[in-house]
PDB file of all heavy atoms in Angstrom:
ATOM      1  N   ASP A   1      61.192  83.339 -94.655  1.00  0.00           N
ATOM      2  CA  ASP A   1      60.865  82.965 -96.020  1.00  0.00           C
ATOM      3  C   ASP A   1      59.542  82.221 -96.117  1.00  0.00           C
ATOM      4  O   ASP A   1      59.109  81.875 -97.211  1.00  0.00           O
ATOM      5  CB  ASP A   1      61.973  82.084 -96.597  1.00  0.00           C
ATOM      6  CG  ASP A   1      63.293  82.845 -96.693  1.00  0.00           C
ATOM      7  OD1 ASP A   1      63.275  84.059 -96.916  1.00  0.00           O
ATOM      8  OD2 ASP A   1      64.332  82.190 -96.531  1.00  0.00           O
ATOM      9  N   ALA A   2      58.876  81.967 -95.002  1.00  0.00           N
ATOM     10  CA  ALA A   2      57.631  81.190 -95.009  1.00  0.00           C
ATOM     11  C   ALA A   2      56.485  81.938 -95.660  1.00  0.00           C
ATOM     12  O   ALA A   2      55.568  81.338 -96.161  1.00  0.00           O
ATOM     13  CB  ALA A   2      57.249  80.802 -93.582  1.00  0.00           C
ATOM     14  N   HIS A   3      56.532  83.257 -95.664  1.00  0.00           N
ATOM     15  CA  HIS A   3      55.465  84.035 -96.288  1.00  0.00           C
ATOM     16  C   HIS A   3      56.037  85.347 -96.828  1.00  0.00           C
ATOM     17  O   HIS A   3      57.141  85.746 -96.493  1.00  0.00           O
ATOM     18  CB  HIS A   3      54.346  84.310 -95.290  1.00  0.00           C
ATOM     19  CG  HIS A   3      54.742  85.197 -94.156  1.00  0.00           C
ATOM     20  ND1 HIS A   3      55.486  84.773 -93.093  1.00  0.00           N
ATOM     21  CD2 HIS A   3      54.514  86.512 -93.947  1.00  0.00           C
ATOM     22  CE1 HIS A   3      55.700  85.775 -92.262  1.00  0.00           C
ATOM     23  NE2 HIS A   3      55.134  86.853 -92.758  1.00  0.00           N
ATOM     24  N   THR A   4      55.292  85.969 -97.655  1.00  0.00           N
ATOM     25  CA  THR A   4      55.713  87.241 -98.218  1.00  0.00           C
ATOM     26  C   THR A   4      55.247  88.356 -97.298  1.00  0.00           C
ATOM     27  O   THR A   4      54.094  88.412 -96.924  1.00  0.00           O
ATOM     28  CB  THR A   4      55.083  87.444 -99.612  1.00  0.00           C
ATOM     29  OG1 THR A   4      55.458  86.349-100.430  1.00  0.00           O
ATOM     30  CG2 THR A   4      55.550  88.728-100.241  1.00  0.00           C
ATOM     31  N   THR A   5      56.156  89.227 -96.927  1.00  0.00           N
ATOM     32  CA  THR A   5      55.776  90.320 -96.038  1.00  0.00           C
ATOM     33  C   THR A   5      55.005  91.380 -96.804  1.00  0.00           C
ATOM     34  O   THR A   5      55.203  91.586 -97.997  1.00  0.00           O
ATOM     35  CB  THR A   5      57.004  90.947 -95.357  1.00  0.00           C
ATOM     36  OG1 THR A   5      57.886  91.415 -96.360  1.00  0.00           O
ATOM     37  CG2 THR A   5      57.708  89.949 -94.471  1.00  0.00           C
ATOM     38  N   ILE A   6      54.130  92.050 -96.089  1.00  0.00           N
ATOM     39  CA  ILE A   6      53.254  93.037 -96.696  1.00  0.00           C
ATOM     40  C   ILE A   6      53.736  94.452 -96.406  1.00  0.00           C
ATOM     41  O   ILE A   6      53.602  95.339 -97.230  1.00  0.00           O
ATOM     42  CB  ILE A   6      51.810  92.843 -96.180  1.00  0.00           C
ATOM     43  CG1 ILE A   6      51.307  91.469 -96.613  1.00  0.00           C
ATOM     44  CG2 ILE A   6      50.890  93.931 -96.685  1.00  0.00           C
ATOM     45  CD1 ILE A   6      49.990  91.080 -95.996  1.00  0.00           C
ATOM     46  N   ASN A   7      54.307  94.666 -95.238  1.00  0.00           N
ATOM     47  CA  ASN A   7      54.704  96.023 -94.870  1.00  0.00           C
ATOM     48  C   ASN A   7      55.924  95.989 -93.946  1.00  0.00           C
ATOM     49  O   ASN A   7      56.358  94.923 -93.521  1.00  0.00           O
ATOM     50  CB  ASN A   7      53.522  96.763 -94.221  1.00  0.00           C
ATOM     51  CG  ASN A   7      53.054  96.092 -92.951  1.00  0.00           C
ATOM     52  OD1 ASN A   7      53.855  95.814 -92.071  1.00  0.00           O
ATOM     53  ND2 ASN A   7      51.763  95.831 -92.843  1.00  0.00           N
ATOM     54  N   PRO A   8      56.486  97.142 -93.615  1.00  0.00           N
ATOM     55  CA  PRO A   8      57.685  97.193 -92.764  1.00  0.00           C
ATOM     56  C   PRO A   8      57.492  96.563 -91.390  1.00  0.00           C
ATOM     57  O   PRO A   8      58.444  96.031 -90.817  1.00  0.00           O
ATOM     58  CB  PRO A   8      57.981  98.690 -92.650  1.00  0.00           C
ATOM     59  CG  PRO A   8      57.351  99.306 -93.847  1.00  0.00           C
ATOM     60  CD  PRO A   8      56.126  98.477 -94.122  1.00  0.00           C
ATOM     61  N   ILE A   9      56.300  96.624 -90.852  1.00  0.00           N
ATOM     62  CA  ILE A   9      56.057  96.001 -89.547  1.00  0.00           C
ATOM     63  C   ILE A   9      56.237  94.494 -89.648  1.00  0.00           C
ATOM     64  O   ILE A   9      56.850  93.865 -88.783  1.00  0.00           O
ATOM     65  CB  ILE A   9      54.656  96.374 -89.013  1.00  0.00           C
ATOM     66  CG1 ILE A   9      54.596  97.870 -88.727  1.00  0.00           C
ATOM     67  CG2 ILE A   9      54.307  95.556 -87.774  1.00  0.00           C
ATOM     68  CD1 ILE A   9      53.218  98.395 -88.406  1.00  0.00           C
ATOM     69  N   ASP A  10      55.712  93.908 -90.730  1.00  0.00           N
ATOM     70  CA  ASP A  10      55.905  92.468 -90.939  1.00  0.00           C
ATOM     71  C   ASP A  10      57.388  92.139 -91.073  1.00  0.00           C
ATOM     72  O   ASP A  10      57.858  91.134 -90.535  1.00  0.00           O
ATOM     73  CB  ASP A  10      55.162  92.001 -92.192  1.00  0.00           C
ATOM     74  CG  ASP A  10      53.658  92.045 -92.039  1.00  0.00           C
ATOM     75  OD1 ASP A  10      53.166  91.902 -90.902  1.00  0.00           O
ATOM     76  OD2 ASP A  10      52.977  92.214 -93.060  1.00  0.00           O
ATOM     77  N   ASP A  11      58.127  92.976 -91.799  1.00  0.00           N
ATOM     78  CA  ASP A  11      59.567  92.757 -91.946  1.00  0.00           C
ATOM     79  C   ASP A  11      60.268  92.778 -90.590  1.00  0.00           C
ATOM     80  O   ASP A  11      61.125  91.943 -90.306  1.00  0.00           O
ATOM     81  CB  ASP A  11      60.185  93.824 -92.853  1.00  0.00           C
ATOM     82  CG  ASP A  11      59.763  93.672 -94.303  1.00  0.00           C
ATOM     83  OD1 ASP A  11      59.435  92.554 -94.727  1.00  0.00           O
ATOM     84  OD2 ASP A  11      59.761  94.698 -95.005  1.00  0.00           O
ATOM     85  N   TYR A  12      59.894  93.739 -89.750  1.00  0.00           N
ATOM     86  CA  TYR A  12      60.477  93.839 -88.420  1.00  0.00           C
ATOM     87  C   TYR A  12      60.230  92.566 -87.613  1.00  0.00           C
ATOM     88  O   TYR A  12      61.148  91.990 -87.032  1.00  0.00           O
ATOM     89  CB  TYR A  12      59.916  95.054 -87.673  1.00  0.00           C
ATOM     90  CG  TYR A  12      60.259  95.054 -86.205  1.00  0.00           C
ATOM     91  CD1 TYR A  12      61.522  95.433 -85.773  1.00  0.00           C
ATOM     92  CD2 TYR A  12      59.336  94.632 -85.247  1.00  0.00           C
ATOM     93  CE1 TYR A  12      61.858  95.407 -84.428  1.00  0.00           C
ATOM     94  CE2 TYR A  12      59.664  94.601 -83.906  1.00  0.00           C
ATOM     95  CZ  TYR A  12      60.921  94.991 -83.503  1.00  0.00           C
ATOM     96  OH  TYR A  12      61.244  94.941 -82.177  1.00  0.00           O
ATOM     97  N   PHE A  13      58.966  92.122 -87.591  1.00  0.00           N
ATOM     98  CA  PHE A  13      58.655  90.929 -86.816  1.00  0.00           C
ATOM     99  C   PHE A  13      59.307  89.682 -87.406  1.00  0.00           C
ATOM    100  O   PHE A  13      59.708  88.783 -86.663  1.00  0.00           O
ATOM    101  CB  PHE A  13      57.146  90.744 -86.656  1.00  0.00           C
ATOM    102  CG  PHE A  13      56.584  91.603 -85.561  1.00  0.00           C
ATOM    103  CD1 PHE A  13      55.874  92.743 -85.854  1.00  0.00           C
ATOM    104  CD2 PHE A  13      56.799  91.280 -84.233  1.00  0.00           C
ATOM    105  CE1 PHE A  13      55.371  93.552 -84.847  1.00  0.00           C
ATOM    106  CE2 PHE A  13      56.316  92.076 -83.207  1.00  0.00           C
ATOM    107  CZ  PHE A  13      55.594  93.220 -83.518  1.00  0.00           C
ATOM    108  N   ASP A  14      59.453  89.619 -88.704  1.00  0.00           N
ATOM    109  CA  ASP A  14      60.168  88.493 -89.306  1.00  0.00           C
ATOM    110  C   ASP A  14      61.604  88.423 -88.785  1.00  0.00           C
ATOM    111  O   ASP A  14      62.112  87.347 -88.471  1.00  0.00           O
ATOM    112  CB  ASP A  14      60.174  88.603 -90.828  1.00  0.00           C
ATOM    113  CG  ASP A  14      58.879  88.143 -91.457  1.00  0.00           C
ATOM    114  OD1 ASP A  14      58.064  87.486 -90.762  1.00  0.00           O
ATOM    115  OD2 ASP A  14      58.683  88.423 -92.653  1.00  0.00           O
ATOM    116  N   ARG A  15      62.250  89.588 -88.669  1.00  0.00           N
ATOM    117  CA  ARG A  15      63.622  89.607 -88.144  1.00  0.00           C
ATOM    118  C   ARG A  15      63.661  89.195 -86.671  1.00  0.00           C
ATOM    119  O   ARG A  15      64.519  88.426 -86.254  1.00  0.00           O
ATOM    120  CB  ARG A  15      64.241  90.991 -88.338  1.00  0.00           C
ATOM    121  CG  ARG A  15      64.565  91.308 -89.789  1.00  0.00           C
ATOM    122  CD  ARG A  15      65.428  92.561 -89.931  1.00  0.00           C
ATOM    123  NE  ARG A  15      64.847  93.756 -89.331  1.00  0.00           N
ATOM    124  CZ  ARG A  15      63.971  94.562 -89.936  1.00  0.00           C
ATOM    125  NH1 ARG A  15      63.565  94.299 -91.147  1.00  0.00           N
ATOM    126  NH2 ARG A  15      63.512  95.639 -89.318  1.00  0.00           N
ATOM    127  N   VAL A  16      62.722  89.695 -85.878  1.00  0.00           N
ATOM    128  CA  VAL A  16      62.664  89.341 -84.456  1.00  0.00           C
ATOM    129  C   VAL A  16      62.386  87.847 -84.307  1.00  0.00           C
ATOM    130  O   VAL A  16      63.035  87.162 -83.511  1.00  0.00           O
ATOM    131  CB  VAL A  16      61.592  90.177 -83.716  1.00  0.00           C
ATOM    132  CG1 VAL A  16      61.380  89.662 -82.307  1.00  0.00           C
ATOM    133  CG2 VAL A  16      61.996  91.643 -83.698  1.00  0.00           C
ATOM    134  N   TYR A  17      61.443  87.342 -85.081  1.00  0.00           N
ATOM    135  CA  TYR A  17      61.114  85.911 -85.010  1.00  0.00           C
ATOM    136  C   TYR A  17      62.326  85.063 -85.374  1.00  0.00           C
ATOM    137  O   TYR A  17      62.586  84.041 -84.743  1.00  0.00           O
ATOM    138  CB  TYR A  17      59.964  85.570 -85.939  1.00  0.00           C
ATOM    139  CG  TYR A  17      58.600  86.099 -85.518  1.00  0.00           C
ATOM    140  CD1 TYR A  17      57.533  86.060 -86.399  1.00  0.00           C
ATOM    141  CD2 TYR A  17      58.371  86.645 -84.259  1.00  0.00           C
ATOM    142  CE1 TYR A  17      56.275  86.535 -86.031  1.00  0.00           C
ATOM    143  CE2 TYR A  17      57.132  87.121 -83.890  1.00  0.00           C
ATOM    144  CZ  TYR A  17      56.087  87.060 -84.780  1.00  0.00           C
ATOM    145  OH  TYR A  17      54.852  87.528 -84.416  1.00  0.00           O
ATOM    146  N   ALA A  18      63.065  85.489 -86.388  1.00  0.00           N
ATOM    147  CA  ALA A  18      64.239  84.729 -86.807  1.00  0.00           C
ATOM    148  C   ALA A  18      65.277  84.682 -85.684  1.00  0.00           C
ATOM    149  O   ALA A  18      65.887  83.632 -85.435  1.00  0.00           O
ATOM    150  CB  ALA A  18      64.837  85.334 -88.067  1.00  0.00           C
ATOM    151  N   LEU A  19      65.471  85.796 -84.989  1.00  0.00           N
ATOM    152  CA  LEU A  19      66.429  85.838 -83.879  1.00  0.00           C
ATOM    153  C   LEU A  19      66.017  84.922 -82.739  1.00  0.00           C
ATOM    154  O   LEU A  19      66.855  84.355 -82.048  1.00  0.00           O
ATOM    155  CB  LEU A  19      66.578  87.268 -83.365  1.00  0.00           C
ATOM    156  CG  LEU A  19      67.289  88.251 -84.291  1.00  0.00           C
ATOM    157  CD1 LEU A  19      67.195  89.666 -83.726  1.00  0.00           C
ATOM    158  CD2 LEU A  19      68.744  87.843 -84.484  1.00  0.00           C
ATOM    159  N   GLU A  20      64.715  84.790 -82.519  1.00  0.00           N
ATOM    160  CA  GLU A  20      64.194  83.986 -81.418  1.00  0.00           C
ATOM    161  C   GLU A  20      63.786  82.578 -81.855  1.00  0.00           C
ATOM    162  O   GLU A  20      63.217  81.829 -81.066  1.00  0.00           O
ATOM    163  CB  GLU A  20      62.982  84.687 -80.792  1.00  0.00           C
ATOM    164  CG  GLU A  20      63.285  86.047 -80.214  1.00  0.00           C
ATOM    165  CD  GLU A  20      64.207  85.982 -79.003  1.00  0.00           C
ATOM    166  OE1 GLU A  20      64.149  84.996 -78.248  1.00  0.00           O
ATOM    167  OE2 GLU A  20      64.989  86.942 -78.826  1.00  0.00           O
ATOM    168  N   SER A  21      64.019  82.245 -83.125  1.00  0.00           N
ATOM    169  CA  SER A  21      63.640  80.939 -83.689  1.00  0.00           C
ATOM    170  C   SER A  21      62.141  80.681 -83.560  1.00  0.00           C
ATOM    171  O   SER A  21      61.707  79.560 -83.248  1.00  0.00           O
ATOM    172  CB  SER A  21      64.434  79.806 -83.031  1.00  0.00           C
ATOM    173  OG  SER A  21      65.801  79.993 -83.244  1.00  0.00           O
ATOM    174  N   ILE A  22      61.355  81.710 -83.774  1.00  0.00           N
ATOM    175  CA  ILE A  22      59.894  81.596 -83.730  1.00  0.00           C
ATOM    176  C   ILE A  22      59.390  81.529 -85.162  1.00  0.00           C
ATOM    177  O   ILE A  22      59.815  82.282 -86.028  1.00  0.00           O
ATOM    178  CB  ILE A  22      59.267  82.816 -83.019  1.00  0.00           C
ATOM    179  CG1 ILE A  22      59.743  82.873 -81.571  1.00  0.00           C
ATOM    180  CG2 ILE A  22      57.748  82.776 -83.106  1.00  0.00           C
ATOM    181  CD1 ILE A  22      59.357  84.149 -80.849  1.00  0.00           C
ATOM    182  N   VAL A  23      58.458  80.614 -85.399  1.00  0.00           N
ATOM    183  CA  VAL A  23      57.883  80.469 -86.735  1.00  0.00           C
ATOM    184  C   VAL A  23      56.482  81.074 -86.722  1.00  0.00           C
ATOM    185  O   VAL A  23      55.645  80.706 -85.898  1.00  0.00           O
ATOM    186  CB  VAL A  23      57.809  78.977 -87.137  1.00  0.00           C
ATOM    187  CG1 VAL A  23      57.178  78.832 -88.507  1.00  0.00           C
ATOM    188  CG2 VAL A  23      59.198  78.360 -87.108  1.00  0.00           C
ATOM    189  N   ALA A  24      56.239  82.013 -87.617  1.00  0.00           N
ATOM    190  CA  ALA A  24      54.931  82.672 -87.701  1.00  0.00           C
ATOM    191  C   ALA A  24      53.898  81.712 -88.269  1.00  0.00           C
ATOM    192  O   ALA A  24      54.221  80.810 -89.060  1.00  0.00           O
ATOM    193  CB  ALA A  24      55.026  83.905 -88.590  1.00  0.00           C
ATOM    194  N   ASN A  25      52.651  81.892 -87.868  1.00  0.00           N
ATOM    195  CA  ASN A  25      51.553  81.117 -88.433  1.00  0.00           C
ATOM    196  C   ASN A  25      51.320  81.520 -89.874  1.00  0.00           C
ATOM    197  O   ASN A  25      51.679  82.620 -90.293  1.00  0.00           O
ATOM    198  CB  ASN A  25      50.258  81.357 -87.636  1.00  0.00           C
ATOM    199  CG  ASN A  25      50.313  80.746 -86.266  1.00  0.00           C
ATOM    200  OD1 ASN A  25      51.032  79.791 -86.027  1.00  0.00           O
ATOM    201  ND2 ASN A  25      49.551  81.318 -85.357  1.00  0.00           N
ATOM    202  N   GLU A  26      50.683  80.641 -90.597  1.00  0.00           N
ATOM    203  CA  GLU A  26      50.290  80.958 -91.964  1.00  0.00           C
ATOM    204  C   GLU A  26      49.221  82.044 -91.931  1.00  0.00           C
ATOM    205  O   GLU A  26      48.555  82.237 -90.913  1.00  0.00           O
ATOM    206  CB  GLU A  26      49.744  79.705 -92.656  1.00  0.00           C
ATOM    207  CG  GLU A  26      50.773  78.615 -92.856  1.00  0.00           C
ATOM    208  CD  GLU A  26      51.908  79.026 -93.780  1.00  0.00           C
ATOM    209  OE1 GLU A  26      51.643  79.694 -94.793  1.00  0.00           O
ATOM    210  OE2 GLU A  26      53.058  78.695 -93.463  1.00  0.00           O
ATOM    211  N   ALA A  27      49.035  82.722 -93.046  1.00  0.00           N
ATOM    212  CA  ALA A  27      48.002  83.759 -93.145  1.00  0.00           C
ATOM    213  C   ALA A  27      46.627  83.123 -92.934  1.00  0.00           C
ATOM    214  O   ALA A  27      46.390  81.970 -93.308  1.00  0.00           O
ATOM    215  CB  ALA A  27      48.059  84.428 -94.512  1.00  0.00           C
ATOM    216  N   ALA A  28      45.728  83.879 -92.323  1.00  0.00           N
ATOM    217  CA  ALA A  28      44.366  83.394 -92.072  1.00  0.00           C
ATOM    218  C   ALA A  28      43.624  83.214 -93.391  1.00  0.00           C
ATOM    219  O   ALA A  28      43.851  83.956 -94.347  1.00  0.00           O
ATOM    220  CB  ALA A  28      43.616  84.391 -91.186  1.00  0.00           C
ATOM    221  N   THR A  29      42.726  82.261 -93.414  1.00  0.00           N
ATOM    222  CA  THR A  29      41.879  82.071 -94.584  1.00  0.00           C
ATOM    223  C   THR A  29      40.949  83.274 -94.706  1.00  0.00           C
ATOM    224  O   THR A  29      40.701  83.979 -93.711  1.00  0.00           O
ATOM    225  CB  THR A  29      41.026  80.799 -94.450  1.00  0.00           C
ATOM    226  OG1 THR A  29      40.137  80.963 -93.338  1.00  0.00           O
ATOM    227  CG2 THR A  29      41.884  79.557 -94.265  1.00  0.00           C
ATOM    228  N   PRO A  30      40.410  83.534 -95.895  1.00  0.00           N
ATOM    229  CA  PRO A  30      39.472  84.655 -96.024  1.00  0.00           C
ATOM    230  C   PRO A  30      38.291  84.550 -95.055  1.00  0.00           C
ATOM    231  O   PRO A  30      37.866  85.557 -94.487  1.00  0.00           O
ATOM    232  CB  PRO A  30      39.014  84.566 -97.480  1.00  0.00           C
ATOM    233  CG  PRO A  30      40.164  83.928 -98.186  1.00  0.00           C
ATOM    234  CD  PRO A  30      40.707  82.928 -97.194  1.00  0.00           C
ATOM    235  N   GLU A  31      37.777  83.351 -94.846  1.00  0.00           N
ATOM    236  CA  GLU A  31      36.647  83.173 -93.921  1.00  0.00           C
ATOM    237  C   GLU A  31      37.042  83.562 -92.504  1.00  0.00           C
ATOM    238  O   GLU A  31      36.331  84.314 -91.828  1.00  0.00           O
ATOM    239  CB  GLU A  31      36.148  81.729 -93.947  1.00  0.00           C
ATOM    240  CG  GLU A  31      34.991  81.492 -93.021  1.00  0.00           C
ATOM    241  CD  GLU A  31      34.464  80.071 -93.062  1.00  0.00           C
ATOM    242  OE1 GLU A  31      34.970  79.243 -93.833  1.00  0.00           O
ATOM    243  OE2 GLU A  31      33.522  79.796 -92.300  1.00  0.00           O
ATOM    244  N   LEU A  32      38.173  83.088 -92.042  1.00  0.00           N
ATOM    245  CA  LEU A  32      38.633  83.403 -90.686  1.00  0.00           C
ATOM    246  C   LEU A  32      38.955  84.891 -90.558  1.00  0.00           C
ATOM    247  O   LEU A  32      38.637  85.525 -89.542  1.00  0.00           O
ATOM    248  CB  LEU A  32      39.850  82.560 -90.326  1.00  0.00           C
ATOM    249  CG  LEU A  32      40.399  82.720 -88.919  1.00  0.00           C
ATOM    250  CD1 LEU A  32      39.332  82.448 -87.866  1.00  0.00           C
ATOM    251  CD2 LEU A  32      41.593  81.807 -88.722  1.00  0.00           C
ATOM    252  N   GLN A  33      39.550  85.458 -91.583  1.00  0.00           N
ATOM    253  CA  GLN A  33      39.874  86.884 -91.576  1.00  0.00           C
ATOM    254  C   GLN A  33      38.605  87.724 -91.411  1.00  0.00           C
ATOM    255  O   GLN A  33      38.570  88.659 -90.606  1.00  0.00           O
ATOM    256  CB  GLN A  33      40.586  87.227 -92.884  1.00  0.00           C
ATOM    257  CG  GLN A  33      41.113  88.619 -92.957  1.00  0.00           C
ATOM    258  CD  GLN A  33      41.804  88.886 -94.286  1.00  0.00           C
ATOM    259  OE1 GLN A  33      41.577  88.214 -95.285  1.00  0.00           O
ATOM    260  NE2 GLN A  33      42.665  89.884 -94.294  1.00  0.00           N
ATOM    261  N   LEU A  34      37.550  87.382 -92.146  1.00  0.00           N
ATOM    262  CA  LEU A  34      36.309  88.146 -92.058  1.00  0.00           C
ATOM    263  C   LEU A  34      35.639  87.949 -90.700  1.00  0.00           C
ATOM    264  O   LEU A  34      35.123  88.896 -90.112  1.00  0.00           O
ATOM    265  CB  LEU A  34      35.355  87.749 -93.188  1.00  0.00           C
ATOM    266  CG  LEU A  34      34.139  88.648 -93.331  1.00  0.00           C
ATOM    267  CD1 LEU A  34      34.552  90.044 -93.778  1.00  0.00           C
ATOM    268  CD2 LEU A  34      33.150  88.059 -94.317  1.00  0.00           C
ATOM    269  N   ARG A  35      35.662  86.722 -90.186  1.00  0.00           N
ATOM    270  CA  ARG A  35      35.065  86.457 -88.884  1.00  0.00           C
ATOM    271  C   ARG A  35      35.765  87.279 -87.796  1.00  0.00           C
ATOM    272  O   ARG A  35      35.116  87.871 -86.933  1.00  0.00           O
ATOM    273  CB  ARG A  35      35.122  84.964 -88.565  1.00  0.00           C
ATOM    274  CG  ARG A  35      34.206  84.124 -89.448  1.00  0.00           C
ATOM    275  CD  ARG A  35      34.469  82.632 -89.281  1.00  0.00           C
ATOM    276  NE  ARG A  35      34.230  82.172 -87.933  1.00  0.00           N
ATOM    277  CZ  ARG A  35      33.098  81.647 -87.498  1.00  0.00           C
ATOM    278  NH1 ARG A  35      32.078  81.506 -88.318  1.00  0.00           N
ATOM    279  NH2 ARG A  35      32.984  81.234 -86.257  1.00  0.00           N
ATOM    280  N   ARG A  36      37.089  87.317 -87.831  1.00  0.00           N
ATOM    281  CA  ARG A  36      37.844  88.098 -86.851  1.00  0.00           C
ATOM    282  C   ARG A  36      37.504  89.586 -86.954  1.00  0.00           C
ATOM    283  O   ARG A  36      37.354  90.272 -85.945  1.00  0.00           O
ATOM    284  CB  ARG A  36      39.346  87.904 -87.059  1.00  0.00           C
ATOM    285  CG  ARG A  36      39.849  86.555 -86.639  1.00  0.00           C
ATOM    286  CD  ARG A  36      41.310  86.419 -86.963  1.00  0.00           C
ATOM    287  NE  ARG A  36      41.835  85.130 -86.542  1.00  0.00           N
ATOM    288  CZ  ARG A  36      43.017  84.659 -86.889  1.00  0.00           C
ATOM    289  NH1 ARG A  36      43.827  85.393 -87.652  1.00  0.00           N
ATOM    290  NH2 ARG A  36      43.424  83.481 -86.473  1.00  0.00           N
ATOM    291  N   LEU A  37      37.410  90.074 -88.191  1.00  0.00           N
ATOM    292  CA  LEU A  37      37.091  91.481 -88.407  1.00  0.00           C
ATOM    293  C   LEU A  37      35.751  91.841 -87.789  1.00  0.00           C
ATOM    294  O   LEU A  37      35.637  92.828 -87.068  1.00  0.00           O
ATOM    295  CB  LEU A  37      37.083  91.793 -89.904  1.00  0.00           C
ATOM    296  CG  LEU A  37      36.719  93.222 -90.283  1.00  0.00           C
ATOM    297  CD1 LEU A  37      37.803  94.187 -89.812  1.00  0.00           C
ATOM    298  CD2 LEU A  37      36.502  93.327 -91.778  1.00  0.00           C
ATOM    299  N   TYR A  38      34.734  91.032 -88.062  1.00  0.00           N
ATOM    300  CA  TYR A  38      33.404  91.311 -87.520  1.00  0.00           C
ATOM    301  C   TYR A  38      33.403  91.292 -85.994  1.00  0.00           C
ATOM    302  O   TYR A  38      32.861  92.191 -85.352  1.00  0.00           O
ATOM    303  CB  TYR A  38      32.386  90.287 -88.051  1.00  0.00           C
ATOM    304  CG  TYR A  38      31.637  90.762 -89.257  1.00  0.00           C
ATOM    305  CD1 TYR A  38      32.235  90.772 -90.507  1.00  0.00           C
ATOM    306  CD2 TYR A  38      30.325  91.207 -89.169  1.00  0.00           C
ATOM    307  CE1 TYR A  38      31.551  91.203 -91.626  1.00  0.00           C
ATOM    308  CE2 TYR A  38      29.624  91.645 -90.273  1.00  0.00           C
ATOM    309  CZ  TYR A  38      30.243  91.642 -91.506  1.00  0.00           C
ATOM    310  OH  TYR A  38      29.557  92.079 -92.607  1.00  0.00           O
TER     311      TYR A  38
END
């Protein structure tokens, strides 16, 4: 419930994370997202 999933892959990993008690990081900021892309 920490974030809204975008696609089925995200849904899958959300379920796996929940089973393993892993908390996903927050979404990257637009600046970080663009830097990673480049």
